[in-house]
Each structure stands twice: as structure tokens, then as C-alpha cells.
Amino acid sequence: RLAQYYASAANVSGLQIVIPMGTYVPVLTSAASARPISIKSVAL
């Protein structure tokens, strides 16, 4: 659900909440510091 939320461009604060695999402790990052890859540049 967090992935869906951030993919929907609804994040107005620039904050991203990430819960890495293997832990239950959230990590806070900024959208600017994330390293997203656009799906439009990916081929299966």
C-alpha cells in the first residue's frame, strides 16, 4: 500500500516512508534523495 501511495503521486510532503525487508522499523527518506526508475524505460 505504501508503494501504491507513492506511485500515485499523492505525496505532497516529499517524505517517503519505507519499511525495508527483514525489519519492521520504518526508514524516512525524501523523494529527492530516492533513486526511482521510471517504468516507461523498462522492458520485460
PDB file of all heavy atoms in Angstrom:
ATOM      1  N   ARG A   1       0.831  -1.212   0.000  1.00  0.00           N
ATOM      2  CA  ARG A   1       0.000   0.000   0.000  1.00  0.00           C
ATOM      3  C   ARG A   1       0.866   1.264   0.000  1.00  0.00           C
ATOM      4  O   ARG A   1       0.514   2.252  -0.657  1.00  0.00           O
ATOM      5  CB  ARG A   1      -0.947  -0.011   1.199  1.00  0.00           C
ATOM      6  CG  ARG A   1      -2.133  -0.952   1.009  1.00  0.00           C
ATOM      7  CD  ARG A   1      -3.115  -0.866   2.155  1.00  0.00           C
ATOM      8  NE  ARG A   1      -4.182  -1.834   1.971  1.00  0.00           N
ATOM      9  CZ  ARG A   1      -5.350  -1.573   1.395  1.00  0.00           C
ATOM     10  NH1 ARG A   1      -5.594  -0.346   0.943  1.00  0.00           N
ATOM     11  NH2 ARG A   1      -6.267  -2.499   1.269  1.00  0.00           N
ATOM     12  N   LEU A   2       1.967   1.231   0.722  1.00  0.00           N
ATOM     13  CA  LEU A   2       2.866   2.377   0.693  1.00  0.00           C
ATOM     14  C   LEU A   2       3.419   2.591  -0.712  1.00  0.00           C
ATOM     15  O   LEU A   2       3.517   3.725  -1.197  1.00  0.00           O
ATOM     16  CB  LEU A   2       4.018   2.171   1.682  1.00  0.00           C
ATOM     17  CG  LEU A   2       3.667   2.359   3.168  1.00  0.00           C
ATOM     18  CD1 LEU A   2       4.830   1.902   4.043  1.00  0.00           C
ATOM     19  CD2 LEU A   2       3.300   3.808   3.476  1.00  0.00           C
ATOM     20  N   ALA A   3       3.766   1.486  -1.381  1.00  0.00           N
ATOM     21  CA  ALA A   3       4.272   1.591  -2.752  1.00  0.00           C
ATOM     22  C   ALA A   3       3.211   2.182  -3.671  1.00  0.00           C
ATOM     23  O   ALA A   3       3.502   3.044  -4.512  1.00  0.00           O
ATOM     24  CB  ALA A   3       4.708   0.218  -3.255  1.00  0.00           C
ATOM     25  N   GLN A   4       1.960   1.759  -3.497  1.00  0.00           N
ATOM     26  CA  GLN A   4       0.865   2.304  -4.308  1.00  0.00           C
ATOM     27  C   GLN A   4       0.678   3.794  -4.035  1.00  0.00           C
ATOM     28  O   GLN A   4       0.448   4.583  -4.960  1.00  0.00           O
ATOM     29  CB  GLN A   4      -0.428   1.556  -3.999  1.00  0.00           C
ATOM     30  CG  GLN A   4      -0.451   0.115  -4.480  1.00  0.00           C
ATOM     31  CD  GLN A   4      -1.725  -0.590  -4.037  1.00  0.00           C
ATOM     32  OE1 GLN A   4      -2.804   0.001  -4.046  1.00  0.00           O
ATOM     33  NE2 GLN A   4      -1.613  -1.840  -3.643  1.00  0.00           N
ATOM     34  N   TYR A   5       0.763   4.175  -2.764  1.00  0.00           N
ATOM     35  CA  TYR A   5       0.569   5.576  -2.398  1.00  0.00           C
ATOM     36  C   TYR A   5       1.607   6.469  -3.077  1.00  0.00           C
ATOM     37  O   TYR A   5       1.266   7.483  -3.686  1.00  0.00           O
ATOM     38  CB  TYR A   5       0.651   5.729  -0.879  1.00  0.00           C
ATOM     39  CG  TYR A   5       0.628   7.170  -0.421  1.00  0.00           C
ATOM     40  CD1 TYR A   5      -0.563   7.876  -0.347  1.00  0.00           C
ATOM     41  CD2 TYR A   5       1.810   7.824  -0.076  1.00  0.00           C
ATOM     42  CE1 TYR A   5      -0.592   9.206   0.052  1.00  0.00           C
ATOM     43  CE2 TYR A   5       1.799   9.152   0.333  1.00  0.00           C
ATOM     44  CZ  TYR A   5       0.599   9.833   0.398  1.00  0.00           C
ATOM     45  OH  TYR A   5       0.580  11.146   0.796  1.00  0.00           O
ATOM     46  N   TYR A   6       2.870   6.082  -2.993  1.00  0.00           N
ATOM     47  CA  TYR A   6       3.916   6.919  -3.576  1.00  0.00           C
ATOM     48  C   TYR A   6       3.911   6.864  -5.097  1.00  0.00           C
ATOM     49  O   TYR A   6       4.280   7.831  -5.757  1.00  0.00           O
ATOM     50  CB  TYR A   6       5.282   6.528  -3.002  1.00  0.00           C
ATOM     51  CG  TYR A   6       5.383   6.845  -1.530  1.00  0.00           C
ATOM     52  CD1 TYR A   6       5.597   5.845  -0.594  1.00  0.00           C
ATOM     53  CD2 TYR A   6       5.209   8.149  -1.076  1.00  0.00           C
ATOM     54  CE1 TYR A   6       5.653   6.140   0.758  1.00  0.00           C
ATOM     55  CE2 TYR A   6       5.260   8.443   0.278  1.00  0.00           C
ATOM     56  CZ  TYR A   6       5.477   7.436   1.189  1.00  0.00           C
ATOM     57  OH  TYR A   6       5.514   7.727   2.532  1.00  0.00           O
ATOM     58  N   ALA A   7       3.456   5.750  -5.659  1.00  0.00           N
ATOM     59  CA  ALA A   7       3.344   5.657  -7.115  1.00  0.00           C
ATOM     60  C   ALA A   7       2.207   6.515  -7.649  1.00  0.00           C
ATOM     61  O   ALA A   7       2.208   6.912  -8.817  1.00  0.00           O
ATOM     62  CB  ALA A   7       3.132   4.207  -7.541  1.00  0.00           C
ATOM     63  N   SER A   8       1.238   6.841  -6.780  1.00  0.00           N
ATOM     64  CA  SER A   8       0.076   7.619  -7.215  1.00  0.00           C
ATOM     65  C   SER A   8       0.338   9.122  -7.239  1.00  0.00           C
ATOM     66  O   SER A   8      -0.553   9.888  -7.568  1.00  0.00           O
ATOM     67  CB  SER A   8      -1.111   7.336  -6.290  1.00  0.00           C
ATOM     68  OG  SER A   8      -0.896   7.905  -5.002  1.00  0.00           O
ATOM     69  N   ALA A   9       1.536   9.530  -6.875  1.00  0.00           N
ATOM     70  CA  ALA A   9       1.917  10.957  -6.861  1.00  0.00           C
ATOM     71  C   ALA A   9       1.077  11.757  -5.865  1.00  0.00           C
ATOM     72  O   ALA A   9       0.859  12.945  -6.026  1.00  0.00           O
ATOM     73  CB  ALA A   9       1.808  11.569  -8.247  1.00  0.00           C
ATOM     74  N   ALA A  10       0.595  11.083  -4.808  1.00  0.00           N
ATOM     75  CA  ALA A  10      -0.213  11.773  -3.800  1.00  0.00           C
ATOM     76  C   ALA A  10       0.645  12.369  -2.693  1.00  0.00           C
ATOM     77  O   ALA A  10       0.140  13.029  -1.799  1.00  0.00           O
ATOM     78  CB  ALA A  10      -1.225  10.791  -3.192  1.00  0.00           C
ATOM     79  N   ASN A  11       1.955  12.144  -2.734  1.00  0.00           N
ATOM     80  CA  ASN A  11       2.836  12.582  -1.666  1.00  0.00           C
ATOM     81  C   ASN A  11       3.148  14.071  -1.804  1.00  0.00           C
ATOM     82  O   ASN A  11       3.974  14.475  -2.610  1.00  0.00           O
ATOM     83  CB  ASN A  11       4.137  11.761  -1.698  1.00  0.00           C
ATOM     84  CG  ASN A  11       5.034  12.069  -0.515  1.00  0.00           C
ATOM     85  OD1 ASN A  11       4.612  12.653   0.464  1.00  0.00           O
ATOM     86  ND2 ASN A  11       6.291  11.663  -0.617  1.00  0.00           N
ATOM     87  N   VAL A  12       2.494  14.904  -0.997  1.00  0.00           N
ATOM     88  CA  VAL A  12       2.682  16.351  -1.098  1.00  0.00           C
ATOM     89  C   VAL A  12       3.811  16.853  -0.202  1.00  0.00           C
ATOM     90  O   VAL A  12       4.265  17.983  -0.348  1.00  0.00           O
ATOM     91  CB  VAL A  12       1.373  17.093  -0.738  1.00  0.00           C
ATOM     92  CG1 VAL A  12       0.282  16.734  -1.714  1.00  0.00           C
ATOM     93  CG2 VAL A  12       0.943  16.771   0.697  1.00  0.00           C
ATOM     94  N   SER A  13       4.276  16.022   0.732  1.00  0.00           N
ATOM     95  CA  SER A  13       5.285  16.476   1.691  1.00  0.00           C
ATOM     96  C   SER A  13       6.706  16.213   1.216  1.00  0.00           C
ATOM     97  O   SER A  13       7.649  16.797   1.743  1.00  0.00           O
ATOM     98  CB  SER A  13       5.077  15.761   3.035  1.00  0.00           C
ATOM     99  OG  SER A  13       5.388  14.376   2.908  1.00  0.00           O
ATOM    100  N   GLY A  14       6.872  15.346   0.231  1.00  0.00           N
ATOM    101  CA  GLY A  14       8.208  14.980  -0.208  1.00  0.00           C
ATOM    102  C   GLY A  14       8.836  13.911   0.663  1.00  0.00           C
ATOM    103  O   GLY A  14       9.956  13.462   0.413  1.00  0.00           O
ATOM    104  N   LEU A  15       8.121  13.467   1.705  1.00  0.00           N
ATOM    105  CA  LEU A  15       8.615  12.431   2.612  1.00  0.00           C
ATOM    106  C   LEU A  15       8.209  11.061   2.098  1.00  0.00           C
ATOM    107  O   LEU A  15       7.096  10.870   1.613  1.00  0.00           O
ATOM    108  CB  LEU A  15       8.028  12.638   4.008  1.00  0.00           C
ATOM    109  CG  LEU A  15       8.328  11.559   5.047  1.00  0.00           C
ATOM    110  CD1 LEU A  15       9.778  11.657   5.500  1.00  0.00           C
ATOM    111  CD2 LEU A  15       7.390  11.693   6.232  1.00  0.00           C
ATOM    112  N   GLN A  16       9.121  10.101   2.207  1.00  0.00           N
ATOM    113  CA  GLN A  16       8.784   8.721   1.879  1.00  0.00           C
ATOM    114  C   GLN A  16       9.027   7.849   3.087  1.00  0.00           C
ATOM    115  O   GLN A  16      10.069   7.959   3.745  1.00  0.00           O
ATOM    116  CB  GLN A  16       9.613   8.221   0.694  1.00  0.00           C
ATOM    117  CG  GLN A  16       9.175   8.799  -0.637  1.00  0.00           C
ATOM    118  CD  GLN A  16       9.782   8.069  -1.821  1.00  0.00           C
ATOM    119  OE1 GLN A  16      10.589   7.165  -1.652  1.00  0.00           O
ATOM    120  NE2 GLN A  16       9.393   8.458  -3.012  1.00  0.00           N
ATOM    121  N   ILE A  17       8.052   6.990   3.372  1.00  0.00           N
ATOM    122  CA  ILE A  17       8.175   6.010   4.457  1.00  0.00           C
ATOM    123  C   ILE A  17       8.469   4.667   3.817  1.00  0.00           C
ATOM    124  O   ILE A  17       7.692   4.175   2.998  1.00  0.00           O
ATOM    125  CB  ILE A  17       6.880   5.920   5.281  1.00  0.00           C
ATOM    126  CG1 ILE A  17       6.503   7.290   5.848  1.00  0.00           C
ATOM    127  CG2 ILE A  17       7.018   4.895   6.393  1.00  0.00           C
ATOM    128  CD1 ILE A  17       5.103   7.338   6.435  1.00  0.00           C
ATOM    129  N   VAL A  18       9.580   4.076   4.186  1.00  0.00           N
ATOM    130  CA  VAL A  18       9.986   2.786   3.643  1.00  0.00           C
ATOM    131  C   VAL A  18      10.186   1.823   4.805  1.00  0.00           C
ATOM    132  O   VAL A  18      10.758   2.189   5.834  1.00  0.00           O
ATOM    133  CB  VAL A  18      11.298   2.913   2.834  1.00  0.00           C
ATOM    134  CG1 VAL A  18      11.829   1.548   2.434  1.00  0.00           C
ATOM    135  CG2 VAL A  18      11.078   3.769   1.595  1.00  0.00           C
ATOM    136  N   ILE A  19       9.684   0.588   4.662  1.00  0.00           N
ATOM    137  CA  ILE A  19       9.918  -0.456   5.663  1.00  0.00           C
ATOM    138  C   ILE A  19      10.737  -1.539   4.972  1.00  0.00           C
ATOM    139  O   ILE A  19      10.181  -2.391   4.266  1.00  0.00           O
ATOM    140  CB  ILE A  19       8.597  -1.021   6.218  1.00  0.00           C
ATOM    141  CG1 ILE A  19       7.716   0.123   6.734  1.00  0.00           C
ATOM    142  CG2 ILE A  19       8.879  -2.021   7.342  1.00  0.00           C
ATOM    143  CD1 ILE A  19       6.327  -0.320   7.145  1.00  0.00           C
ATOM    144  N   PRO A  20      12.055  -1.511   5.116  1.00  0.00           N
ATOM    145  CA  PRO A  20      12.905  -2.451   4.384  1.00  0.00           C
ATOM    146  C   PRO A  20      12.583  -3.903   4.728  1.00  0.00           C
ATOM    147  O   PRO A  20      12.139  -4.206   5.844  1.00  0.00           O
ATOM    148  CB  PRO A  20      14.317  -2.079   4.834  1.00  0.00           C
ATOM    149  CG  PRO A  20      14.200  -0.674   5.318  1.00  0.00           C
ATOM    150  CD  PRO A  20      12.836  -0.570   5.916  1.00  0.00           C
ATOM    151  N   MET A  21      12.812  -4.790   3.776  1.00  0.00           N
ATOM    152  CA  MET A  21      12.644  -6.207   4.014  1.00  0.00           C
ATOM    153  C   MET A  21      13.584  -6.646   5.141  1.00  0.00           C
ATOM    154  O   MET A  21      14.717  -6.188   5.241  1.00  0.00           O
ATOM    155  CB  MET A  21      12.966  -7.010   2.749  1.00  0.00           C
ATOM    156  CG  MET A  21      12.109  -6.646   1.559  1.00  0.00           C
ATOM    157  SD  MET A  21      10.372  -7.063   1.807  1.00  0.00           S
ATOM    158  CE  MET A  21       9.700  -6.492   0.232  1.00  0.00           C
ATOM    159  N   GLY A  22      13.099  -7.543   5.985  1.00  0.00           N
ATOM    160  CA  GLY A  22      13.926  -8.061   7.069  1.00  0.00           C
ATOM    161  C   GLY A  22      13.861  -7.252   8.348  1.00  0.00           C
ATOM    162  O   GLY A  22      14.510  -7.594   9.332  1.00  0.00           O
ATOM    163  N   THR A  23      13.081  -6.170   8.342  1.00  0.00           N
ATOM    164  CA  THR A  23      12.922  -5.363   9.547  1.00  0.00           C
ATOM    165  C   THR A  23      11.515  -4.800   9.586  1.00  0.00           C
ATOM    166  O   THR A  23      10.813  -4.783   8.575  1.00  0.00           O
ATOM    167  CB  THR A  23      13.948  -4.212   9.581  1.00  0.00           C
ATOM    168  OG1 THR A  23      13.778  -3.480  10.800  1.00  0.00           O
ATOM    169  CG2 THR A  23      13.743  -3.270   8.404  1.00  0.00           C
ATOM    170  N   TYR A  24      11.106  -4.352  10.781  1.00  0.00           N
ATOM    171  CA  TYR A  24       9.805  -3.716  10.929  1.00  0.00           C
ATOM    172  C   TYR A  24       9.952  -2.238  11.274  1.00  0.00           C
ATOM    173  O   TYR A  24       8.967  -1.564  11.544  1.00  0.00           O
ATOM    174  CB  TYR A  24       8.994  -4.428  12.017  1.00  0.00           C
ATOM    175  CG  TYR A  24       8.685  -5.872  11.683  1.00  0.00           C
ATOM    176  CD1 TYR A  24       9.268  -6.921  12.395  1.00  0.00           C
ATOM    177  CD2 TYR A  24       7.828  -6.180  10.644  1.00  0.00           C
ATOM    178  CE1 TYR A  24       8.993  -8.232  12.079  1.00  0.00           C
ATOM    179  CE2 TYR A  24       7.543  -7.504  10.318  1.00  0.00           C
ATOM    180  CZ  TYR A  24       8.138  -8.523  11.037  1.00  0.00           C
ATOM    181  OH  TYR A  24       7.872  -9.829  10.702  1.00  0.00           O
ATOM    182  N   VAL A  25      11.165  -1.740  11.288  1.00  0.00           N
ATOM    183  CA  VAL A  25      11.432  -0.354  11.645  1.00  0.00           C
ATOM    184  C   VAL A  25      11.375   0.523  10.393  1.00  0.00           C
ATOM    185  O   VAL A  25      12.131   0.312   9.445  1.00  0.00           O
ATOM    186  CB  VAL A  25      12.805  -0.209  12.313  1.00  0.00           C
ATOM    187  CG1 VAL A  25      13.077   1.245  12.666  1.00  0.00           C
ATOM    188  CG2 VAL A  25      12.887  -1.087  13.559  1.00  0.00           C
ATOM    189  N   PRO A  26      10.500   1.522  10.356  1.00  0.00           N
ATOM    190  CA  PRO A  26      10.398   2.391   9.175  1.00  0.00           C
ATOM    191  C   PRO A  26      11.659   3.224   8.988  1.00  0.00           C
ATOM    192  O   PRO A  26      12.341   3.584   9.956  1.00  0.00           O
ATOM    193  CB  PRO A  26       9.189   3.289   9.497  1.00  0.00           C
ATOM    194  CG  PRO A  26       8.482   2.631  10.627  1.00  0.00           C
ATOM    195  CD  PRO A  26       9.515   1.886  11.393  1.00  0.00           C
ATOM    196  N   VAL A  27      11.939   3.534   7.736  1.00  0.00           N
ATOM    197  CA  VAL A  27      13.023   4.435   7.373  1.00  0.00           C
ATOM    198  C   VAL A  27      12.396   5.617   6.642  1.00  0.00           C
ATOM    199  O   VAL A  27      11.555   5.433   5.757  1.00  0.00           O
ATOM    200  CB  VAL A  27      14.056   3.729   6.469  1.00  0.00           C
ATOM    201  CG1 VAL A  27      15.109   4.717   5.982  1.00  0.00           C
ATOM    202  CG2 VAL A  27      14.704   2.569   7.217  1.00  0.00           C
ATOM    203  N   LEU A  28      12.804   6.824   7.004  1.00  0.00           N
ATOM    204  CA  LEU A  28      12.260   8.027   6.386  1.00  0.00           C
ATOM    205  C   LEU A  28      13.272   8.592   5.401  1.00  0.00           C
ATOM    206  O   LEU A  28      14.438   8.800   5.738  1.00  0.00           O
ATOM    207  CB  LEU A  28      11.948   9.072   7.456  1.00  0.00           C
ATOM    208  CG  LEU A  28      10.981   8.625   8.566  1.00  0.00           C
ATOM    209  CD1 LEU A  28      10.812   9.734   9.585  1.00  0.00           C
ATOM    210  CD2 LEU A  28       9.654   8.217   7.979  1.00  0.00           C
ATOM    211  N   THR A  29      12.827   8.815   4.174  1.00  0.00           N
ATOM    212  CA  THR A  29      13.677   9.413   3.151  1.00  0.00           C
ATOM    213  C   THR A  29      12.888  10.523   2.470  1.00  0.00           C
ATOM    214  O   THR A  29      11.660  10.596   2.578  1.00  0.00           O
ATOM    215  CB  THR A  29      14.112   8.387   2.096  1.00  0.00           C
ATOM    216  OG1 THR A  29      12.948   7.934   1.377  1.00  0.00           O
ATOM    217  CG2 THR A  29      14.798   7.195   2.726  1.00  0.00           C
ATOM    218  N   SER A  30      13.577  11.376   1.768  1.00  0.00           N
ATOM    219  CA  SER A  30      12.904  12.400   0.980  1.00  0.00           C
ATOM    220  C   SER A  30      12.765  11.903  -0.445  1.00  0.00           C
ATOM    221  O   SER A  30      13.580  11.104  -0.920  1.00  0.00           O
ATOM    222  CB  SER A  30      13.691  13.712   0.996  1.00  0.00           C
ATOM    223  OG  SER A  30      14.923  13.556   0.321  1.00  0.00           O
ATOM    224  N   ALA A  31      11.740  12.360  -1.125  1.00  0.00           N
ATOM    225  CA  ALA A  31      11.535  11.953  -2.516  1.00  0.00           C
ATOM    226  C   ALA A  31      12.729  12.342  -3.368  1.00  0.00           C
ATOM    227  O   ALA A  31      13.104  11.648  -4.308  1.00  0.00           O
ATOM    228  CB  ALA A  31      10.264  12.590  -3.063  1.00  0.00           C
ATOM    229  N   ALA A  32      13.372  13.458  -3.023  1.00  0.00           N
ATOM    230  CA  ALA A  32      14.507  13.928  -3.815  1.00  0.00           C
ATOM    231  C   ALA A  32      15.714  13.022  -3.673  1.00  0.00           C
ATOM    232  O   ALA A  32      16.524  12.900  -4.587  1.00  0.00           O
ATOM    233  CB  ALA A  32      14.883  15.343  -3.391  1.00  0.00           C
ATOM    234  N   SER A  33      15.847  12.360  -2.494  1.00  0.00           N
ATOM    235  CA  SER A  33      17.009  11.514  -2.270  1.00  0.00           C
ATOM    236  C   SER A  33      16.790  10.089  -2.732  1.00  0.00           C
ATOM    237  O   SER A  33      17.712   9.289  -2.756  1.00  0.00           O
ATOM    238  CB  SER A  33      17.377  11.505  -0.788  1.00  0.00           C
ATOM    239  OG  SER A  33      16.345  10.886  -0.022  1.00  0.00           O
ATOM    240  N   ALA A  34      15.549   9.747  -3.084  1.00  0.00           N
ATOM    241  CA  ALA A  34      15.273   8.402  -3.577  1.00  0.00           C
ATOM    242  C   ALA A  34      15.855   8.241  -4.972  1.00  0.00           C
ATOM    243  O   ALA A  34      16.166   9.213  -5.646  1.00  0.00           O
ATOM    244  CB  ALA A  34      13.761   8.154  -3.595  1.00  0.00           C
ATOM    245  N   ARG A  35      15.987   6.975  -5.401  1.00  0.00           N
ATOM    246  CA  ARG A  35      16.576   6.708  -6.706  1.00  0.00           C
ATOM    247  C   ARG A  35      15.593   5.951  -7.572  1.00  0.00           C
ATOM    248  O   ARG A  35      15.824   4.813  -7.955  1.00  0.00           O
ATOM    249  CB  ARG A  35      17.861   5.892  -6.530  1.00  0.00           C
ATOM    250  CG  ARG A  35      18.875   6.591  -5.683  1.00  0.00           C
ATOM    251  CD  ARG A  35      20.118   5.742  -5.466  1.00  0.00           C
ATOM    252  NE  ARG A  35      19.819   4.546  -4.717  1.00  0.00           N
ATOM    253  CZ  ARG A  35      19.763   3.355  -5.251  1.00  0.00           C
ATOM    254  NH1 ARG A  35      19.924   3.174  -6.524  1.00  0.00           N
ATOM    255  NH2 ARG A  35      19.510   2.299  -4.510  1.00  0.00           N
ATOM    256  N   PRO A  36      14.438   6.550  -7.863  1.00  0.00           N
ATOM    257  CA  PRO A  36      13.424   5.813  -8.608  1.00  0.00           C
ATOM    258  C   PRO A  36      13.807   5.583 -10.055  1.00  0.00           C
ATOM    259  O   PRO A  36      14.550   6.346 -10.647  1.00  0.00           O
ATOM    260  CB  PRO A  36      12.187   6.718  -8.506  1.00  0.00           C
ATOM    261  CG  PRO A  36      12.755   8.085  -8.365  1.00  0.00           C
ATOM    262  CD  PRO A  36      14.013   7.932  -7.565  1.00  0.00           C
ATOM    263  N   ILE A  37      13.264   4.517 -10.628  1.00  0.00           N
ATOM    264  CA  ILE A  37      13.428   4.200 -12.041  1.00  0.00           C
ATOM    265  C   ILE A  37      12.046   4.232 -12.665  1.00  0.00           C
ATOM    266  O   ILE A  37      11.125   3.578 -12.189  1.00  0.00           O
ATOM    267  CB  ILE A  37      14.055   2.807 -12.234  1.00  0.00           C
ATOM    268  CG1 ILE A  37      15.458   2.763 -11.589  1.00  0.00           C
ATOM    269  CG2 ILE A  37      14.137   2.440 -13.696  1.00  0.00           C
ATOM    270  CD1 ILE A  37      16.044   1.385 -11.570  1.00  0.00           C
ATOM    271  N   SER A  38      11.867   4.979 -13.739  1.00  0.00           N
ATOM    272  CA  SER A  38      10.563   5.064 -14.375  1.00  0.00           C
ATOM    273  C   SER A  38      10.238   3.770 -15.112  1.00  0.00           C
ATOM    274  O   SER A  38      11.061   3.233 -15.853  1.00  0.00           O
ATOM    275  CB  SER A  38      10.550   6.231 -15.365  1.00  0.00           C
ATOM    276  OG  SER A  38       9.347   6.223 -16.105  1.00  0.00           O
ATOM    277  N   ILE A  39       9.020   3.276 -14.920  1.00  0.00           N
ATOM    278  CA  ILE A  39       8.625   2.041 -15.589  1.00  0.00           C
ATOM    279  C   ILE A  39       8.595   2.203 -17.095  1.00  0.00           C
ATOM    280  O   ILE A  39       8.761   1.244 -17.844  1.00  0.00           O
ATOM    281  CB  ILE A  39       7.237   1.568 -15.064  1.00  0.00           C
ATOM    282  CG1 ILE A  39       6.917   0.142 -15.571  1.00  0.00           C
ATOM    283  CG2 ILE A  39       6.152   2.530 -15.484  1.00  0.00           C
ATOM    284  CD1 ILE A  39       7.882  -0.897 -15.124  1.00  0.00           C
ATOM    285  N   LYS A  40       8.439   3.440 -17.567  1.00  0.00           N
ATOM    286  CA  LYS A  40       8.358   3.636 -19.012  1.00  0.00           C
ATOM    287  C   LYS A  40       9.689   3.370 -19.706  1.00  0.00           C
ATOM    288  O   LYS A  40       9.740   3.288 -20.933  1.00  0.00           O
ATOM    289  CB  LYS A  40       7.863   5.048 -19.341  1.00  0.00           C
ATOM    290  CG  LYS A  40       8.773   6.172 -18.892  1.00  0.00           C
ATOM    291  CD  LYS A  40       8.113   7.515 -19.167  1.00  0.00           C
ATOM    292  CE  LYS A  40       8.980   8.673 -18.724  1.00  0.00           C
ATOM    293  NZ  LYS A  40       8.329   9.966 -18.939  1.00  0.00           N
ATOM    294  N   SER A  41      10.772   3.235 -18.926  1.00  0.00           N
ATOM    295  CA  SER A  41      12.073   2.947 -19.522  1.00  0.00           C
ATOM    296  C   SER A  41      12.489   1.501 -19.305  1.00  0.00           C
ATOM    297  O   SER A  41      13.640   1.147 -19.489  1.00  0.00           O
ATOM    298  CB  SER A  41      13.136   3.882 -18.934  1.00  0.00           C
ATOM    299  OG  SER A  41      13.282   3.640 -17.541  1.00  0.00           O
ATOM    300  N   VAL A  42      11.527   0.650 -18.892  1.00  0.00           N
ATOM    301  CA  VAL A  42      11.823  -0.744 -18.577  1.00  0.00           C
ATOM    302  C   VAL A  42      11.111  -1.672 -19.556  1.00  0.00           C
ATOM    303  O   VAL A  42       9.936  -1.485 -19.866  1.00  0.00           O
ATOM    304  CB  VAL A  42      11.383  -1.089 -17.140  1.00  0.00           C
ATOM    305  CG1 VAL A  42      11.595  -2.566 -16.843  1.00  0.00           C
ATOM    306  CG2 VAL A  42      12.145  -0.241 -16.128  1.00  0.00           C
ATOM    307  N   ALA A  43      11.844  -2.673 -20.049  1.00  0.00           N
ATOM    308  CA  ALA A  43      11.272  -3.648 -20.975  1.00  0.00           C
ATOM    309  C   ALA A  43      11.360  -5.042 -20.365  1.00  0.00           C
ATOM    310  O   ALA A  43      12.383  -5.415 -19.791  1.00  0.00           O
ATOM    311  CB  ALA A  43      12.009  -3.611 -22.312  1.00  0.00           C
ATOM    312  N   LEU A  44      10.281  -5.805 -20.473  1.00  0.00           N
ATOM    313  CA  LEU A  44      10.244  -7.178 -19.993  1.00  0.00           C
ATOM    314  C   LEU A  44      10.713  -8.104 -21.108  1.00  0.00           C
ATOM    315  O   LEU A  44      10.118  -8.147 -22.181  1.00  0.00           O
ATOM    316  CB  LEU A  44       8.824  -7.557 -19.554  1.00  0.00           C
ATOM    317  CG  LEU A  44       8.606  -9.008 -19.104  1.00  0.00           C
ATOM    318  CD1 LEU A  44       9.423  -9.309 -17.855  1.00  0.00           C
ATOM    319  CD2 LEU A  44       7.115  -9.269 -18.856  1.00  0.00           C
TER     320      LEU A  44
END
